[in-house]
PDB file of N, CA and C in Angstrom:
ATOM      1  N   UNK A   1     -11.039  -8.512  -8.617  1.00  0.00           N
ATOM      2  CA  UNK A   1     -11.075  -7.522  -7.560  1.00  0.00           C
ATOM      3  C   UNK A   1     -10.608  -8.160  -6.270  1.00  0.00           C
ATOM      4  N   UNK A   2      -9.745  -7.462  -5.574  1.00  0.00           N
ATOM      5  CA  UNK A   2      -9.248  -7.927  -4.286  1.00  0.00           C
ATOM      6  C   UNK A   2     -10.136  -7.396  -3.175  1.00  0.00           C
ATOM      7  N   UNK A   3     -10.347  -8.218  -2.180  1.00  0.00           N
ATOM      8  CA  UNK A   3     -11.103  -7.795  -1.001  1.00  0.00           C
ATOM      9  C   UNK A   3     -10.210  -7.982   0.213  1.00  0.00           C
ATOM     10  N   UNK A   4     -10.169  -6.979   1.056  1.00  0.00           N
ATOM     11  CA  UNK A   4      -9.325  -7.012   2.236  1.00  0.00           C
ATOM     12  C   UNK A   4     -10.197  -6.955   3.482  1.00  0.00           C
ATOM     13  N   UNK A   5      -9.909  -7.774   4.503  1.00  0.00           N
ATOM     14  CA  UNK A   5     -10.668  -7.713   5.746  1.00  0.00           C
ATOM     15  C   UNK A   5     -10.473  -6.372   6.444  1.00  0.00           C
ATOM     16  N   UNK A   6     -11.481  -5.918   7.153  1.00  0.00           N
ATOM     17  CA  UNK A   6     -11.427  -4.594   7.777  1.00  0.00           C
ATOM     18  C   UNK A   6     -10.377  -4.495   8.878  1.00  0.00           C
ATOM     19  N   UNK A   7      -9.980  -5.603   9.481  1.00  0.00           N
ATOM     20  CA  UNK A   7      -8.986  -5.574  10.559  1.00  0.00           C
ATOM     21  C   UNK A   7      -7.549  -5.616  10.047  1.00  0.00           C
ATOM     22  N   UNK A   8      -7.362  -5.747   8.749  1.00  0.00           N
ATOM     23  CA  UNK A   8      -6.031  -5.870   8.164  1.00  0.00           C
ATOM     24  C   UNK A   8      -5.280  -4.543   8.229  1.00  0.00           C
ATOM     25  N   UNK A   9      -4.032  -4.577   8.689  1.00  0.00           N
ATOM     26  CA  UNK A   9      -3.189  -3.384   8.697  1.00  0.00           C
ATOM     27  C   UNK A   9      -2.524  -3.254   7.338  1.00  0.00           C
ATOM     28  N   UNK A  10      -2.497  -2.024   6.824  1.00  0.00           N
ATOM     29  CA  UNK A  10      -1.906  -1.773   5.518  1.00  0.00           C
ATOM     30  C   UNK A  10      -0.959  -0.589   5.647  1.00  0.00           C
ATOM     31  N   UNK A  11       0.278  -0.803   5.214  1.00  0.00           N
ATOM     32  CA  UNK A  11       1.286   0.243   5.273  1.00  0.00           C
ATOM     33  C   UNK A  11       1.786   0.528   3.869  1.00  0.00           C
ATOM     34  N   UNK A  12       1.791   1.802   3.507  1.00  0.00           N
ATOM     35  CA  UNK A  12       2.241   2.225   2.201  1.00  0.00           C
ATOM     36  C   UNK A  12       3.581   2.937   2.351  1.00  0.00           C
ATOM     37  N   UNK A  13       4.592   2.479   1.643  1.00  0.00           N
ATOM     38  CA  UNK A  13       5.910   3.109   1.685  1.00  0.00           C
ATOM     39  C   UNK A  13       5.851   4.420   0.923  1.00  0.00           C
ATOM     40  N   UNK A  14       6.270   5.501   1.563  1.00  0.00           N
ATOM     41  CA  UNK A  14       6.231   6.817   0.939  1.00  0.00           C
ATOM     42  C   UNK A  14       7.334   6.962  -0.108  1.00  0.00           C
ATOM     43  N   UNK A  15       8.530   6.502   0.211  1.00  0.00           N
ATOM     44  CA  UNK A  15       9.653   6.609  -0.724  1.00  0.00           C
ATOM     45  C   UNK A  15       9.518   5.586  -1.845  1.00  0.00           C
ATOM     46  N   UNK A  16       9.933   5.948  -3.053  1.00  0.00           N
ATOM     47  CA  UNK A  16       9.868   4.984  -4.163  1.00  0.00           C
ATOM     48  C   UNK A  16      10.816   3.814  -3.945  1.00  0.00           C
ATOM     49  N   UNK A  17      10.455   2.691  -4.547  1.00  0.00           N
ATOM     50  CA  UNK A  17      11.215   1.449  -4.420  1.00  0.00           C
ATOM     51  C   UNK A  17      11.531   0.938  -5.828  1.00  0.00           C
ATOM     52  N   UNK A  18      12.682   0.317  -5.973  1.00  0.00           N
ATOM     53  CA  UNK A  18      13.071  -0.295  -7.236  1.00  0.00           C
ATOM     54  C   UNK A  18      12.137  -1.476  -7.505  1.00  0.00           C
ATOM     55  N   UNK A  19      11.365  -1.403  -8.561  1.00  0.00           N
ATOM     56  CA  UNK A  19      10.375  -2.440  -8.861  1.00  0.00           C
ATOM     57  C   UNK A  19      10.990  -3.729  -9.383  1.00  0.00           C
ATOM     58  N   UNK A  20      12.289  -3.746  -9.607  1.00  0.00           N
ATOM     59  CA  UNK A  20      12.941  -4.996  -9.999  1.00  0.00           C
ATOM     60  C   UNK A  20      13.062  -5.938  -8.810  1.00  0.00           C
ATOM     61  N   UNK A  21      12.964  -5.380  -7.596  1.00  0.00           N
ATOM     62  CA  UNK A  21      13.063  -6.193  -6.386  1.00  0.00           C
ATOM     63  C   UNK A  21      11.870  -7.121  -6.237  1.00  0.00           C
ATOM     64  N   UNK A  22      12.139  -8.309  -5.771  1.00  0.00           N
ATOM     65  CA  UNK A  22      11.077  -9.287  -5.575  1.00  0.00           C
ATOM     66  C   UNK A  22      10.888  -9.548  -4.090  1.00  0.00           C
ATOM     67  N   UNK A  23      10.614 -10.780  -3.723  1.00  0.00           N
ATOM     68  CA  UNK A  23      10.275 -11.148  -2.358  1.00  0.00           C
ATOM     69  C   UNK A  23      11.277 -10.634  -1.327  1.00  0.00           C
ATOM     70  N   UNK A  24      12.539 -11.013  -1.468  1.00  0.00           N
ATOM     71  CA  UNK A  24      13.546 -10.688  -0.459  1.00  0.00           C
ATOM     72  C   UNK A  24      13.818  -9.193  -0.358  1.00  0.00           C
ATOM     73  N   UNK A  25      13.873  -8.498  -1.485  1.00  0.00           N
ATOM     74  CA  UNK A  25      14.140  -7.059  -1.470  1.00  0.00           C
ATOM     75  C   UNK A  25      12.988  -6.300  -0.816  1.00  0.00           C
ATOM     76  N   UNK A  26      11.765  -6.671  -1.134  1.00  0.00           N
ATOM     77  CA  UNK A  26      10.606  -6.004  -0.523  1.00  0.00           C
ATOM     78  C   UNK A  26      10.508  -6.331   0.965  1.00  0.00           C
ATOM     79  N   UNK A  27      10.816  -7.569   1.315  1.00  0.00           N
ATOM     80  CA  UNK A  27      10.812  -7.987   2.719  1.00  0.00           C
ATOM     81  C   UNK A  27      11.821  -7.149   3.512  1.00  0.00           C
ATOM     82  N   UNK A  28      13.037  -6.997   2.961  1.00  0.00           N
ATOM     83  CA  UNK A  28      14.079  -6.209   3.628  1.00  0.00           C
ATOM     84  C   UNK A  28      13.673  -4.744   3.735  1.00  0.00           C
ATOM     85  N   UNK A  29      13.018  -4.221   2.709  1.00  0.00           N
ATOM     86  CA  UNK A  29      12.569  -2.827   2.747  1.00  0.00           C
ATOM     87  C   UNK A  29      11.502  -2.636   3.826  1.00  0.00           C
ATOM     88  N   UNK A  30      10.599  -3.591   3.955  1.00  0.00           N
ATOM     89  CA  UNK A  30       9.568  -3.501   4.999  1.00  0.00           C
ATOM     90  C   UNK A  30      10.198  -3.508   6.385  1.00  0.00           C
ATOM     91  N   UNK A  31      11.219  -4.318   6.567  1.00  0.00           N
ATOM     92  CA  UNK A  31      11.889  -4.391   7.866  1.00  0.00           C
ATOM     93  C   UNK A  31      12.749  -3.166   8.146  1.00  0.00           C
ATOM     94  N   UNK A  32      13.596  -2.794   7.198  1.00  0.00           N
ATOM     95  CA  UNK A  32      14.588  -1.746   7.435  1.00  0.00           C
ATOM     96  C   UNK A  32      14.024  -0.338   7.288  1.00  0.00           C
ATOM     97  N   UNK A  33      13.397  -0.042   6.172  1.00  0.00           N
ATOM     98  CA  UNK A  33      12.927   1.319   5.911  1.00  0.00           C
ATOM     99  C   UNK A  33      11.617   1.634   6.627  1.00  0.00           C
ATOM    100  N   UNK A  34      10.738   0.632   6.743  1.00  0.00           N
ATOM    101  CA  UNK A  34       9.440   0.880   7.365  1.00  0.00           C
ATOM    102  C   UNK A  34       9.401   0.477   8.831  1.00  0.00           C
ATOM    103  N   UNK A  35      10.412  -0.247   9.275  1.00  0.00           N
ATOM    104  CA  UNK A  35      10.480  -0.627  10.682  1.00  0.00           C
ATOM    105  C   UNK A  35       9.401  -1.578  11.128  1.00  0.00           C
ATOM    106  N   UNK A  36       8.983  -2.478  10.250  1.00  0.00           N
ATOM    107  CA  UNK A  36       7.914  -3.430  10.574  1.00  0.00           C
ATOM    108  C   UNK A  36       8.348  -4.843  10.240  1.00  0.00           C
ATOM    109  N   UNK A  37       7.779  -5.785  10.954  1.00  0.00           N
ATOM    110  CA  UNK A  37       8.026  -7.192  10.672  1.00  0.00           C
ATOM    111  C   UNK A  37       6.910  -7.701   9.757  1.00  0.00           C
ATOM    112  N   UNK A  38       7.241  -8.104   8.538  1.00  0.00           N
ATOM    113  CA  UNK A  38       6.204  -8.586   7.625  1.00  0.00           C
ATOM    114  C   UNK A  38       5.419  -9.783   8.157  1.00  0.00           C
ATOM    115  N   UNK A  39       5.978 -10.520   9.120  1.00  0.00           N
ATOM    116  CA  UNK A  39       5.267 -11.682   9.673  1.00  0.00           C
ATOM    117  C   UNK A  39       4.093 -11.290  10.565  1.00  0.00           C
ATOM    118  N   UNK A  40       3.914  -9.995  10.825  1.00  0.00           N
ATOM    119  CA  UNK A  40       2.794  -9.543  11.645  1.00  0.00           C
ATOM    120  C   UNK A  40       1.463  -9.646  10.910  1.00  0.00           C
ATOM    121  N   UNK A  41       1.502  -9.907   9.621  1.00  0.00           N
ATOM    122  CA  UNK A  41       0.267 -10.088   8.867  1.00  0.00           C
ATOM    123  C   UNK A  41      -0.259  -8.830   8.213  1.00  0.00           C
ATOM    124  N   UNK A  42       0.555  -7.807   8.094  1.00  0.00           N
ATOM    125  CA  UNK A  42       0.139  -6.580   7.422  1.00  0.00           C
ATOM    126  C   UNK A  42       0.449  -6.677   5.932  1.00  0.00           C
ATOM    127  N   UNK A  43      -0.209  -5.842   5.160  1.00  0.00           N
ATOM    128  CA  UNK A  43       0.085  -5.712   3.737  1.00  0.00           C
ATOM    129  C   UNK A  43       0.969  -4.484   3.581  1.00  0.00           C
ATOM    130  N   UNK A  44       2.048  -4.623   2.826  1.00  0.00           N
ATOM    131  CA  UNK A  44       2.965  -3.526   2.566  1.00  0.00           C
ATOM    132  C   UNK A  44       2.853  -3.157   1.091  1.00  0.00           C
ATOM    133  N   UNK A  45       2.654  -1.873   0.826  1.00  0.00           N
ATOM    134  CA  UNK A  45       2.455  -1.389  -0.539  1.00  0.00           C
ATOM    135  C   UNK A  45       3.663  -0.543  -0.927  1.00  0.00           C
ATOM    136  N   UNK A  46       4.241  -0.855  -2.079  1.00  0.00           N
ATOM    137  CA  UNK A  46       5.418  -0.153  -2.578  1.00  0.00           C
ATOM    138  C   UNK A  46       5.127   0.359  -3.980  1.00  0.00           C
ATOM    139  N   UNK A  47       5.672   1.533  -4.318  1.00  0.00           N
ATOM    140  CA  UNK A  47       5.488   2.109  -5.651  1.00  0.00           C
ATOM    141  C   UNK A  47       6.838   2.507  -6.227  1.00  0.00           C
ATOM    142  N   UNK A  48       6.884   2.604  -7.539  1.00  0.00           N
ATOM    143  CA  UNK A  48       8.106   3.079  -8.196  1.00  0.00           C
ATOM    144  C   UNK A  48       8.120   4.604  -8.206  1.00  0.00           C
ATOM    145  N   UNK A  49       9.189   5.172  -8.751  1.00  0.00           N
ATOM    146  CA  UNK A  49       9.347   6.626  -8.736  1.00  0.00           C
ATOM    147  C   UNK A  49       8.264   7.339  -9.538  1.00  0.00           C
ATOM    148  N   UNK A  50       7.861   6.779 -10.676  1.00  0.00           N
ATOM    149  CA  UNK A  50       6.824   7.402 -11.502  1.00  0.00           C
ATOM    150  C   UNK A  50       5.419   7.140 -10.957  1.00  0.00           C
ATOM    151  N   UNK A  51       5.315   6.253  -9.988  1.00  0.00           N
ATOM    152  CA  UNK A  51       4.040   5.848  -9.377  1.00  0.00           C
ATOM    153  C   UNK A  51       3.031   5.316 -10.396  1.00  0.00           C
ATOM    154  N   UNK A  52       3.533   4.595 -11.372  1.00  0.00           N
ATOM    155  CA  UNK A  52       2.627   3.922 -12.294  1.00  0.00           C
ATOM    156  C   UNK A  52       2.629   2.410 -12.065  1.00  0.00           C
ATOM    157  N   UNK A  53       3.406   1.973 -11.070  1.00  0.00           N
ATOM    158  CA  UNK A  53       3.462   0.554 -10.700  1.00  0.00           C
ATOM    159  C   UNK A  53       3.447   0.439  -9.178  1.00  0.00           C
ATOM    160  N   UNK A  54       2.737  -0.569  -8.698  1.00  0.00           N
ATOM    161  CA  UNK A  54       2.760  -0.872  -7.269  1.00  0.00           C
ATOM    162  C   UNK A  54       2.960  -2.362  -7.079  1.00  0.00           C
ATOM    163  N   UNK A  55       3.544  -2.705  -5.935  1.00  0.00           N
ATOM    164  CA  UNK A  55       3.670  -4.098  -5.515  1.00  0.00           C
ATOM    165  C   UNK A  55       3.194  -4.188  -4.078  1.00  0.00           C
ATOM    166  N   UNK A  56       2.481  -5.264  -3.779  1.00  0.00           N
ATOM    167  CA  UNK A  56       2.003  -5.533  -2.431  1.00  0.00           C
ATOM    168  C   UNK A  56       2.725  -6.756  -1.900  1.00  0.00           C
ATOM    169  N   UNK A  57       3.178  -6.678  -0.668  1.00  0.00           N
ATOM    170  CA  UNK A  57       3.848  -7.781   0.005  1.00  0.00           C
ATOM    171  C   UNK A  57       2.968  -8.206   1.168  1.00  0.00           C
ATOM    172  N   UNK A  58       2.695  -9.510   1.274  1.00  0.00           N
ATOM    173  CA  UNK A  58       1.817 -10.009   2.333  1.00  0.00           C
ATOM    174  C   UNK A  58       2.266 -11.396   2.777  1.00  0.00           C
ATOM    175  N   UNK A  59       2.397 -11.577   4.064  1.00  0.00           N
ATOM    176  CA  UNK A  59       2.717 -12.875   4.671  1.00  0.00           C
ATOM    177  C   UNK A  59       1.407 -13.476   5.148  1.00  0.00           C
ATOM    178  N   UNK A  60       1.024 -14.647   4.632  1.00  0.00           N
ATOM    179  CA  UNK A  60      -0.259 -15.255   5.000  1.00  0.00           C
ATOM    180  C   UNK A  60      -0.132 -16.329   6.072  1.00  0.00           C
ATOM    181  N   UNK A  61       1.065 -16.493   6.631  1.00  0.00           N
ATOM    182  CA  UNK A  61       1.280 -17.503   7.650  1.00  0.00           C
ATOM    183  C   UNK A  61       1.994 -18.733   7.124  1.00  0.00           C
ATOM    184  N   UNK A  62       1.897 -18.972   5.822  1.00  0.00           N
ATOM    185  CA  UNK A  62       2.580 -20.114   5.222  1.00  0.00           C
ATOM    186  C   UNK A  62       3.615 -19.700   4.189  1.00  0.00           C
ATOM    187  N   UNK A  63       3.497 -18.493   3.697  1.00  0.00           N
ATOM    188  CA  UNK A  63       4.418 -18.012   2.677  1.00  0.00           C
ATOM    189  C   UNK A  63       4.163 -16.550   2.368  1.00  0.00           C
ATOM    190  N   UNK A  64       4.965 -16.028   1.466  1.00  0.00           N
ATOM    191  CA  UNK A  64       4.910 -14.613   1.105  1.00  0.00           C
ATOM    192  C   UNK A  64       4.231 -14.452  -0.249  1.00  0.00           C
ATOM    193  N   UNK A  65       3.320 -13.501  -0.307  1.00  0.00           N
ATOM    194  CA  UNK A  65       2.660 -13.122  -1.551  1.00  0.00           C
ATOM    195  C   UNK A  65       3.263 -11.820  -2.047  1.00  0.00           C
ATOM    196  N   UNK A  66       3.477 -11.709  -3.339  1.00  0.00           N
ATOM    197  CA  UNK A  66       3.818 -10.452  -3.975  1.00  0.00           C
ATOM    198  C   UNK A  66       2.836 -10.261  -5.123  1.00  0.00           C
ATOM    199  N   UNK A  67       2.066  -9.190  -5.042  1.00  0.00           N
ATOM    200  CA  UNK A  67       1.111  -8.858  -6.104  1.00  0.00           C
ATOM    201  C   UNK A  67       1.582  -7.577  -6.766  1.00  0.00           C
ATOM    202  N   UNK A  68       1.411  -7.467  -8.062  1.00  0.00           N
ATOM    203  CA  UNK A  68       1.879  -6.296  -8.796  1.00  0.00           C
ATOM    204  C   UNK A  68       0.775  -5.755  -9.691  1.00  0.00           C
ATOM    205  N   UNK A  69       0.788  -4.433  -9.874  1.00  0.00           N
ATOM    206  CA  UNK A  69      -0.143  -3.798 -10.803  1.00  0.00           C
ATOM    207  C   UNK A  69       0.588  -2.682 -11.525  1.00  0.00           C
ATOM    208  N   UNK A  70       0.375  -2.606 -12.842  1.00  0.00           N
ATOM    209  CA  UNK A  70       0.947  -1.555 -13.675  1.00  0.00           C
ATOM    210  C   UNK A  70      -0.200  -0.809 -14.340  1.00  0.00           C
ATOM    211  N   UNK A  71      -0.197   0.504 -14.203  1.00  0.00           N
ATOM    212  CA  UNK A  71      -1.197   1.315 -14.879  1.00  0.00           C
ATOM    213  C   UNK A  71      -0.754   1.589 -16.304  1.00  0.00           C
ATOM    214  N   UNK A  72      -1.660   1.493 -17.235  1.00  0.00           N
ATOM    215  CA  UNK A  72      -1.346   1.791 -18.627  1.00  0.00           C
ATOM    216  C   UNK A  72      -1.317   3.300 -18.862  1.00  0.00           C
ATOM    217  N   UNK A  73      -2.159   4.039 -18.132  1.00  0.00           N
ATOM    218  CA  UNK A  73      -2.170   5.502 -18.188  1.00  0.00           C
ATOM    219  C   UNK A  73      -2.381   6.026 -16.782  1.00  0.00           C
ATOM    220  N   UNK A  74      -1.834   7.186 -16.491  1.00  0.00           N
ATOM    221  CA  UNK A  74      -2.039   7.811 -15.194  1.00  0.00           C
ATOM    222  C   UNK A  74      -1.035   7.341 -14.158  1.00  0.00           C
ATOM    223  N   UNK A  75      -1.268   7.804 -12.922  1.00  0.00           N
ATOM    224  CA  UNK A  75      -0.375   7.496 -11.815  1.00  0.00           C
ATOM    225  C   UNK A  75      -1.200   7.222 -10.566  1.00  0.00           C
ATOM    226  N   UNK A  76      -0.635   6.425  -9.674  1.00  0.00           N
ATOM    227  CA  UNK A  76      -1.235   6.235  -8.364  1.00  0.00           C
ATOM    228  C   UNK A  76      -0.945   7.477  -7.529  1.00  0.00           C
ATOM    229  N   UNK A  77      -1.882   7.867  -6.689  1.00  0.00           N
ATOM    230  CA  UNK A  77      -1.656   9.022  -5.820  1.00  0.00           C
ATOM    231  C   UNK A  77      -2.244   8.725  -4.459  1.00  0.00           C
ATOM    232  N   UNK A  78      -1.625   9.320  -3.446  1.00  0.00           N
ATOM    233  CA  UNK A  78      -2.108   9.130  -2.084  1.00  0.00           C
ATOM    234  C   UNK A  78      -1.827  10.382  -1.279  1.00  0.00           C
ATOM    235  N   UNK A  79      -2.522  10.535  -0.166  1.00  0.00           N
ATOM    236  CA  UNK A  79      -2.361  11.746   0.638  1.00  0.00           C
ATOM    237  C   UNK A  79      -1.021  11.757   1.363  1.00  0.00           C
ATOM    238  N   UNK A  80      -0.609  12.941   1.765  1.00  0.00           N
ATOM    239  CA  UNK A  80       0.607  13.072   2.567  1.00  0.00           C
ATOM    240  C   UNK A  80       0.299  12.650   3.994  1.00  0.00           C
ATOM    241  N   UNK A  81       1.269  12.073   4.644  1.00  0.00           N
ATOM    242  CA  UNK A  81       1.076  11.636   6.024  1.00  0.00           C
ATOM    243  C   UNK A  81       2.058  12.313   6.953  1.00  0.00           C
ATOM    244  N   UNK A  82       1.916  12.062   8.234  1.00  0.00           N
ATOM    245  CA  UNK A  82       2.807  12.659   9.222  1.00  0.00           C
ATOM    246  C   UNK A  82       4.116  11.884   9.347  1.00  0.00           C
ATOM    247  N   UNK A  83       4.106  10.600   9.019  1.00  0.00           N
ATOM    248  CA  UNK A  83       5.306   9.775   9.079  1.00  0.00           C
ATOM    249  C   UNK A  83       6.025   9.867   7.732  1.00  0.00           C
ATOM    250  N   UNK A  84       7.302  10.258   7.717  1.00  0.00           N
ATOM    251  CA  UNK A  84       8.007  10.403   6.435  1.00  0.00           C
ATOM    252  C   UNK A  84       8.309   9.084   5.734  1.00  0.00           C
ATOM    253  N   UNK A  85       8.195   7.950   6.430  1.00  0.00           N
ATOM    254  CA  UNK A  85       8.533   6.656   5.839  1.00  0.00           C
ATOM    255  C   UNK A  85       7.316   5.904   5.312  1.00  0.00           C
ATOM    256  N   UNK A  86       6.188   5.979   6.028  1.00  0.00           N
ATOM    257  CA  UNK A  86       5.031   5.165   5.621  1.00  0.00           C
ATOM    258  C   UNK A  86       3.727   5.840   5.989  1.00  0.00           C
ATOM    259  N   UNK A  87       2.681   5.384   5.302  1.00  0.00           N
ATOM    260  CA  UNK A  87       1.310   5.784   5.594  1.00  0.00           C
ATOM    261  C   UNK A  87       0.539   4.552   6.033  1.00  0.00           C
ATOM    262  N   UNK A  88      -0.372   4.723   6.947  1.00  0.00           N
ATOM    263  CA  UNK A  88      -1.291   3.644   7.306  1.00  0.00           C
ATOM    264  C   UNK A  88      -2.576   3.872   6.538  1.00  0.00           C
ATOM    265  N   UNK A  89      -3.051   2.844   5.865  1.00  0.00           N
ATOM    266  CA  UNK A  89      -4.278   2.940   5.082  1.00  0.00           C
ATOM    267  C   UNK A  89      -5.315   1.973   5.605  1.00  0.00           C
ATOM    268  N   UNK A  90      -6.561   2.309   5.396  1.00  0.00           N
ATOM    269  CA  UNK A  90      -7.639   1.363   5.668  1.00  0.00           C
ATOM    270  C   UNK A  90      -7.778   0.459   4.447  1.00  0.00           C
ATOM    271  N   UNK A  91      -8.374  -0.702   4.617  1.00  0.00           N
ATOM    272  CA  UNK A  91      -8.581  -1.573   3.452  1.00  0.00           C
ATOM    273  C   UNK A  91      -9.403  -0.892   2.352  1.00  0.00           C
ATOM    274  N   UNK A  92     -10.371  -0.069   2.746  1.00  0.00           N
ATOM    275  CA  UNK A  92     -11.179   0.647   1.752  1.00  0.00           C
ATOM    276  C   UNK A  92     -10.322   1.630   0.958  1.00  0.00           C
ATOM    277  N   UNK A  93      -9.405   2.334   1.651  1.00  0.00           N
ATOM    278  CA  UNK A  93      -8.531   3.281   0.968  1.00  0.00           C
ATOM    279  C   UNK A  93      -7.597   2.565  -0.003  1.00  0.00           C
ATOM    280  N   UNK A  94      -7.101   1.393   0.381  1.00  0.00           N
ATOM    281  CA  UNK A  94      -6.241   0.630  -0.527  1.00  0.00           C
ATOM    282  C   UNK A  94      -7.021   0.193  -1.759  1.00  0.00           C
ATOM    283  N   UNK A  95      -8.236  -0.241  -1.571  1.00  0.00           N
ATOM    284  CA  UNK A  95      -9.067  -0.642  -2.716  1.00  0.00           C
ATOM    285  C   UNK A  95      -9.277   0.538  -3.655  1.00  0.00           C
ATOM    286  N   UNK A  96      -9.546   1.709  -3.111  1.00  0.00           N
ATOM    287  CA  UNK A  96      -9.722   2.902  -3.952  1.00  0.00           C
ATOM    288  C   UNK A  96      -8.424   3.272  -4.655  1.00  0.00           C
ATOM    289  N   UNK A  97      -7.310   3.211  -3.938  1.00  0.00           N
ATOM    290  CA  UNK A  97      -6.015   3.534  -4.527  1.00  0.00           C
ATOM    291  C   UNK A  97      -5.722   2.608  -5.701  1.00  0.00           C
ATOM    292  N   UNK A  98      -5.945   1.308  -5.518  1.00  0.00           N
ATOM    293  CA  UNK A  98      -5.682   0.346  -6.592  1.00  0.00           C
ATOM    294  C   UNK A  98      -6.645   0.504  -7.755  1.00  0.00           C
ATOM    295  N   UNK A  99      -7.817   1.103  -7.497  1.00  0.00           N
ATOM    296  CA  UNK A  99      -8.783   1.356  -8.566  1.00  0.00           C
ATOM    297  C   UNK A  99      -8.483   2.649  -9.316  1.00  0.00           C
ATOM    298  N   UNK A 100      -7.472   3.394  -8.852  1.00  0.00           N
ATOM    299  CA  UNK A 100      -7.080   4.614  -9.543  1.00  0.00           C
ATOM    300  C   UNK A 100      -7.726   5.871  -9.009  1.00  0.00           C
ATOM    301  N   UNK A 101      -8.362   5.802  -7.857  1.00  0.00           N
ATOM    302  CA  UNK A 101      -8.995   6.986  -7.279  1.00  0.00           C
ATOM    303  C   UNK A 101      -7.931   7.832  -6.593  1.00  0.00           C
ATOM    304  N   UNK A 102      -7.963   9.138  -6.850  1.00  0.00           N
ATOM    305  CA  UNK A 102      -6.998  10.072  -6.275  1.00  0.00           C
ATOM    306  C   UNK A 102      -7.323  10.298  -4.807  1.00  0.00           C
ATOM    307  N   UNK A 103      -6.417   9.881  -3.920  1.00  0.00           N
ATOM    308  CA  UNK A 103      -6.654  10.003  -2.490  1.00  0.00           C
ATOM    309  C   UNK A 103      -6.040  11.268  -1.892  1.00  0.00           C
ATOM    310  N   UNK A 104      -5.377  12.093  -2.681  1.00  0.00           N
ATOM    311  CA  UNK A 104      -4.745  13.296  -2.134  1.00  0.00           C
ATOM    312  C   UNK A 104      -5.765  14.266  -1.569  1.00  0.00           C
ATOM    313  N   UNK A 105      -6.885  14.430  -2.222  1.00  0.00           N
ATOM    314  CA  UNK A 105      -7.908  15.368  -1.765  1.00  0.00           C
ATOM    315  C   UNK A 105      -9.053  14.664  -1.046  1.00  0.00           C
ATOM    316  N   UNK A 106      -8.937  13.355  -0.906  1.00  0.00           N
ATOM    317  CA  UNK A 106     -10.023  12.600  -0.304  1.00  0.00           C
ATOM    318  C   UNK A 106     -10.109  12.815   1.189  1.00  0.00           C
ATOM    319  N   UNK A 107     -11.311  12.731   1.686  1.00  0.00           N
ATOM    320  CA  UNK A 107     -11.521  12.789   3.124  1.00  0.00           C
ATOM    321  C   UNK A 107     -12.799  12.041   3.451  1.00  0.00           C
ATOM    322  N   UNK A 108     -12.869  11.570   4.652  1.00  0.00           N
ATOM    323  CA  UNK A 108     -14.026  10.826   5.100  1.00  0.00           C
ATOM    324  C   UNK A 108     -15.188  11.779   5.359  1.00  0.00           C
ATOM    325  N   UNK A 109     -16.373  11.366   4.977  1.00  0.00           N
ATOM    326  CA  UNK A 109     -17.557  12.175   5.241  1.00  0.00           C
ATOM    327  C   UNK A 109     -17.863  12.191   6.729  1.00  0.00           C
ATOM    328  N   UNK A 110     -18.524  13.245   7.150  1.00  0.00           N
ATOM    329  CA  UNK A 110     -18.957  13.328   8.541  1.00  0.00           C
ATOM    330  C   UNK A 110     -19.947  12.198   8.818  1.00  0.00           C
ATOM    331  N   UNK A 111     -20.069  11.810  10.048  1.00  0.00           N
ATOM    332  CA  UNK A 111     -20.906  10.668  10.418  1.00  0.00           C
ATOM    333  C   UNK A 111     -22.344  10.834   9.947  1.00  0.00           C
ATOM    334  N   UNK A 112     -22.860  12.056   9.912  1.00  0.00           N
ATOM    335  CA  UNK A 112     -24.238  12.291   9.516  1.00  0.00           C
ATOM    336  C   UNK A 112     -24.436  12.245   8.012  1.00  0.00           C
ATOM    337  N   UNK A 113     -23.347  12.198   7.223  1.00  0.00           N
ATOM    338  CA  UNK A 113     -23.450  12.116   5.769  1.00  0.00           C
ATOM    339  C   UNK A 113     -23.280  10.692   5.253  1.00  0.00           C
ATOM    340  N   UNK A 114     -22.892   9.765   6.111  1.00  0.00           N
ATOM    341  CA  UNK A 114     -22.671   8.376   5.685  1.00  0.00           C
ATOM    342  C   UNK A 114     -24.008   7.664   5.558  1.00  0.00           C
ATOM    343  N   UNK A 115     -24.512   7.574   4.367  1.00  0.00           N
ATOM    344  CA  UNK A 115     -25.781   6.881   4.125  1.00  0.00           C
ATOM    345  C   UNK A 115     -25.697   6.054   2.883  1.00  0.00           C
TER     346      UNK A 115
END
């Protein structure tokens, strides 16, 4: 299980990405399509067209990490956002997404329901 710090920025690419791409291709996609510098320390999440595979790109200060996950059944899903290129996720939302929880209908509980 991966754990992400609460201050970590996470950007999910809305458009599908060719999963054959590795470090350099994902890095270029983060810069060009998402308009972000991967050296800022954010995690970038990319999915294929069928959304049964995801790759995460992360710069830790010394090098680049690429993590991959393939679902044996089902698809990853996430809510629609206002930005056509990327979504900003909280670390908790990324953990749920990677666990296979459908985020399309998800919403945060009101403050008085958080117990």
